[in-house]
Amino acid sequence: MSYEILLRYPVEAWDTLQHLFKVKKINDHTLHFAAAFSGQLDLLRLLLQTSVY
């Protein structure tokens, strides 16, 4: 006999929206990616070099 345990986790609103986009085949024009860094980010340098237009 096979036992399957279904775990349910609460989802964020954005996760639900992304699921609906996939079901309805809507392109949300968002680039999804995972980034890996070899060390810590220099947040001060990032803030000083970031411009808002």
PDB file of N, CA and C in Angstrom:
ATOM      1  N   MET A   1       0.855  -1.183   0.000  1.00  0.00           N
ATOM      2  CA  MET A   1       0.000   0.000   0.000  1.00  0.00           C
ATOM      3  C   MET A   1       0.893   1.236   0.000  1.00  0.00           C
ATOM      4  N   SER A   2       0.554   2.176  -0.837  1.00  0.00           N
ATOM      5  CA  SER A   2       1.342   3.400  -0.966  1.00  0.00           C
ATOM      6  C   SER A   2       0.674   4.528  -0.191  1.00  0.00           C
ATOM      7  N   TYR A   3       1.466   5.206   0.617  1.00  0.00           N
ATOM      8  CA  TYR A   3       0.942   6.344   1.377  1.00  0.00           C
ATOM      9  C   TYR A   3       1.541   7.627   0.818  1.00  0.00           C
ATOM     10  N   GLU A   4       0.693   8.563   0.519  1.00  0.00           N
ATOM     11  CA  GLU A   4       1.161   9.865   0.052  1.00  0.00           C
ATOM     12  C   GLU A   4       0.712  10.919   1.046  1.00  0.00           C
ATOM     13  N   ILE A   5       1.642  11.725   1.471  1.00  0.00           N
ATOM     14  CA  ILE A   5       1.326  12.813   2.380  1.00  0.00           C
ATOM     15  C   ILE A   5       1.305  14.095   1.571  1.00  0.00           C
ATOM     16  N   LEU A   6       0.180  14.751   1.557  1.00  0.00           N
ATOM     17  CA  LEU A   6       0.065  16.011   0.835  1.00  0.00           C
ATOM     18  C   LEU A   6       0.324  17.157   1.797  1.00  0.00           C
ATOM     19  N   LEU A   7       1.361  17.910   1.524  1.00  0.00           N
ATOM     20  CA  LEU A   7       1.679  19.066   2.335  1.00  0.00           C
ATOM     21  C   LEU A   7       1.142  20.299   1.649  1.00  0.00           C
ATOM     22  N   ARG A   8       0.481  21.122   2.386  1.00  0.00           N
ATOM     23  CA  ARG A   8      -0.047  22.358   1.820  1.00  0.00           C
ATOM     24  C   ARG A   8       0.663  23.534   2.484  1.00  0.00           C
ATOM     25  N   TYR A   9       1.152  24.411   1.651  1.00  0.00           N
ATOM     26  CA  TYR A   9       1.833  25.601   2.126  1.00  0.00           C
ATOM     27  C   TYR A   9       1.031  26.817   1.685  1.00  0.00           C
ATOM     28  N   PRO A  10       0.958  27.836   2.525  1.00  0.00           N
ATOM     29  CA  PRO A  10       0.246  29.045   2.096  1.00  0.00           C
ATOM     30  C   PRO A  10       1.003  29.706   0.949  1.00  0.00           C
ATOM     31  N   VAL A  11       0.256  30.264   0.014  1.00  0.00           N
ATOM     32  CA  VAL A  11       0.885  30.920  -1.130  1.00  0.00           C
ATOM     33  C   VAL A  11       0.720  32.421  -1.014  1.00  0.00           C
ATOM     34  N   GLU A  12       1.658  33.116  -1.598  1.00  0.00           N
ATOM     35  CA  GLU A  12       1.574  34.566  -1.665  1.00  0.00           C
ATOM     36  C   GLU A  12       0.647  34.938  -2.819  1.00  0.00           C
ATOM     37  N   ALA A  13       0.115  36.130  -2.765  1.00  0.00           N
ATOM     38  CA  ALA A  13      -0.784  36.600  -3.815  1.00  0.00           C
ATOM     39  C   ALA A  13      -0.108  36.545  -5.180  1.00  0.00           C
ATOM     40  N   TRP A  14       1.186  36.885  -5.229  1.00  0.00           N
ATOM     41  CA  TRP A  14       1.902  36.888  -6.503  1.00  0.00           C
ATOM     42  C   TRP A  14       2.002  35.478  -7.077  1.00  0.00           C
ATOM     43  N   ASP A  15       2.159  34.458  -6.217  1.00  0.00           N
ATOM     44  CA  ASP A  15       2.210  33.077  -6.690  1.00  0.00           C
ATOM     45  C   ASP A  15       0.893  32.697  -7.365  1.00  0.00           C
ATOM     46  N   THR A  16      -0.211  33.092  -6.771  1.00  0.00           N
ATOM     47  CA  THR A  16      -1.524  32.816  -7.351  1.00  0.00           C
ATOM     48  C   THR A  16      -1.668  33.515  -8.693  1.00  0.00           C
ATOM     49  N   LEU A  17      -1.234  34.755  -8.766  1.00  0.00           N
ATOM     50  CA  LEU A  17      -1.308  35.514 -10.007  1.00  0.00           C
ATOM     51  C   LEU A  17      -0.456  34.862 -11.095  1.00  0.00           C
ATOM     52  N   GLN A  18       0.749  34.440 -10.751  1.00  0.00           N
ATOM     53  CA  GLN A  18       1.624  33.772 -11.716  1.00  0.00           C
ATOM     54  C   GLN A  18       0.977  32.492 -12.226  1.00  0.00           C
ATOM     55  N   HIS A  19       0.320  31.747 -11.339  1.00  0.00           N
ATOM     56  CA  HIS A  19      -0.364  30.519 -11.747  1.00  0.00           C
ATOM     57  C   HIS A  19      -1.476  30.839 -12.751  1.00  0.00           C
ATOM     58  N   LEU A  20      -2.248  31.878 -12.468  1.00  0.00           N
ATOM     59  CA  LEU A  20      -3.319  32.269 -13.393  1.00  0.00           C
ATOM     60  C   LEU A  20      -2.760  32.712 -14.741  1.00  0.00           C
ATOM     61  N   PHE A  21      -1.628  33.419 -14.728  1.00  0.00           N
ATOM     62  CA  PHE A  21      -0.983  33.818 -15.983  1.00  0.00           C
ATOM     63  C   PHE A  21      -0.640  32.582 -16.813  1.00  0.00           C
ATOM     64  N   LYS A  22      -0.114  31.550 -16.143  1.00  0.00           N
ATOM     65  CA  LYS A  22       0.266  30.327 -16.849  1.00  0.00           C
ATOM     66  C   LYS A  22      -0.970  29.608 -17.394  1.00  0.00           C
ATOM     67  N   VAL A  23      -2.007  29.499 -16.575  1.00  0.00           N
ATOM     68  CA  VAL A  23      -3.233  28.812 -16.992  1.00  0.00           C
ATOM     69  C   VAL A  23      -3.893  29.530 -18.166  1.00  0.00           C
ATOM     70  N   LYS A  24      -3.949  30.848 -18.100  1.00  0.00           N
ATOM     71  CA  LYS A  24      -4.607  31.637 -19.147  1.00  0.00           C
ATOM     72  C   LYS A  24      -3.665  31.987 -20.303  1.00  0.00           C
ATOM     73  N   LYS A  25      -2.399  31.523 -20.205  1.00  0.00           N
ATOM     74  CA  LYS A  25      -1.373  31.767 -21.237  1.00  0.00           C
ATOM     75  C   LYS A  25      -1.169  33.262 -21.473  1.00  0.00           C
ATOM     76  N   ILE A  26      -1.041  33.997 -20.384  1.00  0.00           N
ATOM     77  CA  ILE A  26      -0.778  35.432 -20.436  1.00  0.00           C
ATOM     78  C   ILE A  26       0.707  35.647 -20.165  1.00  0.00           C
ATOM     79  N   ASN A  27       1.373  36.402 -21.023  1.00  0.00           N
ATOM     80  CA  ASN A  27       2.786  36.707 -20.825  1.00  0.00           C
ATOM     81  C   ASN A  27       2.883  37.942 -19.933  1.00  0.00           C
ATOM     82  N   ASP A  28       3.454  37.781 -18.755  1.00  0.00           N
ATOM     83  CA  ASP A  28       3.553  38.909 -17.815  1.00  0.00           C
ATOM     84  C   ASP A  28       4.792  39.764 -18.054  1.00  0.00           C
ATOM     85  N   HIS A  29       5.621  39.414 -19.046  1.00  0.00           N
ATOM     86  CA  HIS A  29       6.812  40.184 -19.421  1.00  0.00           C
ATOM     87  C   HIS A  29       7.788  40.366 -18.257  1.00  0.00           C
ATOM     88  N   THR A  30       7.808  39.425 -17.358  1.00  0.00           N
ATOM     89  CA  THR A  30       8.727  39.473 -16.227  1.00  0.00           C
ATOM     90  C   THR A  30       9.820  38.438 -16.449  1.00  0.00           C
ATOM     91  N   LEU A  31      11.054  38.844 -16.253  1.00  0.00           N
ATOM     92  CA  LEU A  31      12.180  37.932 -16.366  1.00  0.00           C
ATOM     93  C   LEU A  31      12.358  37.243 -15.014  1.00  0.00           C
ATOM     94  N   HIS A  32      12.258  35.929 -15.009  1.00  0.00           N
ATOM     95  CA  HIS A  32      12.420  35.150 -13.786  1.00  0.00           C
ATOM     96  C   HIS A  32      13.771  34.436 -13.846  1.00  0.00           C
ATOM     97  N   PHE A  33      14.543  34.568 -12.793  1.00  0.00           N
ATOM     98  CA  PHE A  33      15.844  33.922 -12.784  1.00  0.00           C
ATOM     99  C   PHE A  33      16.307  33.731 -11.341  1.00  0.00           C
ATOM    100  N   ALA A  34      17.309  32.909 -11.190  1.00  0.00           N
ATOM    101  CA  ALA A  34      17.936  32.704  -9.888  1.00  0.00           C
ATOM    102  C   ALA A  34      19.376  33.194 -10.006  1.00  0.00           C
ATOM    103  N   ALA A  35      19.823  33.968  -9.033  1.00  0.00           N
ATOM    104  CA  ALA A  35      21.184  34.505  -9.049  1.00  0.00           C
ATOM    105  C   ALA A  35      21.979  33.893  -7.900  1.00  0.00           C
ATOM    106  N   ALA A  36      23.203  33.556  -8.173  1.00  0.00           N
ATOM    107  CA  ALA A  36      24.106  33.027  -7.152  1.00  0.00           C
ATOM    108  C   ALA A  36      25.342  33.922  -7.113  1.00  0.00           C
ATOM    109  N   PHE A  37      25.779  34.275  -5.924  1.00  0.00           N
ATOM    110  CA  PHE A  37      26.935  35.147  -5.751  1.00  0.00           C
ATOM    111  C   PHE A  37      28.022  34.406  -4.993  1.00  0.00           C
ATOM    112  N   SER A  38      29.256  34.692  -5.344  1.00  0.00           N
ATOM    113  CA  SER A  38      30.376  34.015  -4.694  1.00  0.00           C
ATOM    114  C   SER A  38      30.703  34.629  -3.340  1.00  0.00           C
ATOM    115  N   GLY A  39      30.176  35.809  -3.069  1.00  0.00           N
ATOM    116  CA  GLY A  39      30.421  36.466  -1.793  1.00  0.00           C
ATOM    117  C   GLY A  39      29.273  37.407  -1.468  1.00  0.00           C
ATOM    118  N   GLN A  40      29.486  38.257  -0.475  1.00  0.00           N
ATOM    119  CA  GLN A  40      28.452  39.198  -0.091  1.00  0.00           C
ATOM    120  C   GLN A  40      28.410  40.381  -1.050  1.00  0.00           C
ATOM    121  N   LEU A  41      27.235  40.965  -1.202  1.00  0.00           N
ATOM    122  CA  LEU A  41      27.097  42.146  -2.045  1.00  0.00           C
ATOM    123  C   LEU A  41      27.553  43.385  -1.293  1.00  0.00           C
ATOM    124  N   ASP A  42      28.161  44.304  -2.006  1.00  0.00           N
ATOM    125  CA  ASP A  42      28.561  45.579  -1.436  1.00  0.00           C
ATOM    126  C   ASP A  42      27.374  46.534  -1.609  1.00  0.00           C
ATOM    127  N   LEU A  43      26.486  46.568  -0.625  1.00  0.00           N
ATOM    128  CA  LEU A  43      25.249  47.336  -0.736  1.00  0.00           C
ATOM    129  C   LEU A  43      25.493  48.834  -0.873  1.00  0.00           C
ATOM    130  N   LEU A  44      26.494  49.362  -0.179  1.00  0.00           N
ATOM    131  CA  LEU A  44      26.797  50.789  -0.283  1.00  0.00           C
ATOM    132  C   LEU A  44      27.200  51.136  -1.720  1.00  0.00           C
ATOM    133  N   ARG A  45      28.059  50.325  -2.304  1.00  0.00           N
ATOM    134  CA  ARG A  45      28.479  50.555  -3.699  1.00  0.00           C
ATOM    135  C   ARG A  45      27.279  50.460  -4.644  1.00  0.00           C
ATOM    136  N   LEU A  46      26.418  49.491  -4.393  1.00  0.00           N
ATOM    137  CA  LEU A  46      25.230  49.320  -5.227  1.00  0.00           C
ATOM    138  C   LEU A  46      24.316  50.535  -5.124  1.00  0.00           C
ATOM    139  N   LEU A  47      24.105  51.035  -3.908  1.00  0.00           N
ATOM    140  CA  LEU A  47      23.245  52.215  -3.721  1.00  0.00           C
ATOM    141  C   LEU A  47      23.827  53.457  -4.358  1.00  0.00           C
ATOM    142  N   LEU A  48      25.141  53.621  -4.264  1.00  0.00           N
ATOM    143  CA  LEU A  48      25.788  54.810  -4.809  1.00  0.00           C
ATOM    144  C   LEU A  48      25.810  54.801  -6.333  1.00  0.00           C
ATOM    145  N   GLN A  49      25.822  53.626  -6.947  1.00  0.00           N
ATOM    146  CA  GLN A  49      25.909  53.544  -8.397  1.00  0.00           C
ATOM    147  C   GLN A  49      24.539  53.393  -9.061  1.00  0.00           C
ATOM    148  N   THR A  50      23.486  53.261  -8.293  1.00  0.00           N
ATOM    149  CA  THR A  50      22.148  53.072  -8.846  1.00  0.00           C
ATOM    150  C   THR A  50      21.488  54.419  -9.046  1.00  0.00           C
ATOM    151  N   SER A  51      20.989  54.639 -10.235  1.00  0.00           N
ATOM    152  CA  SER A  51      20.285  55.887 -10.555  1.00  0.00           C
ATOM    153  C   SER A  51      18.837  55.575 -10.875  1.00  0.00           C
ATOM    154  N   VAL A  52      17.965  56.467 -10.507  1.00  0.00           N
ATOM    155  CA  VAL A  52      16.554  56.317 -10.840  1.00  0.00           C
ATOM    156  C   VAL A  52      16.212  57.387 -11.860  1.00  0.00           C
ATOM    157  N   TYR A  53      15.669  56.946 -12.983  1.00  0.00           N
ATOM    158  CA  TYR A  53      15.328  57.877 -14.053  1.00  0.00           C
ATOM    159  C   TYR A  53      13.858  58.147 -14.041  1.00  0.00           C
TER     160      TYR A  53
END
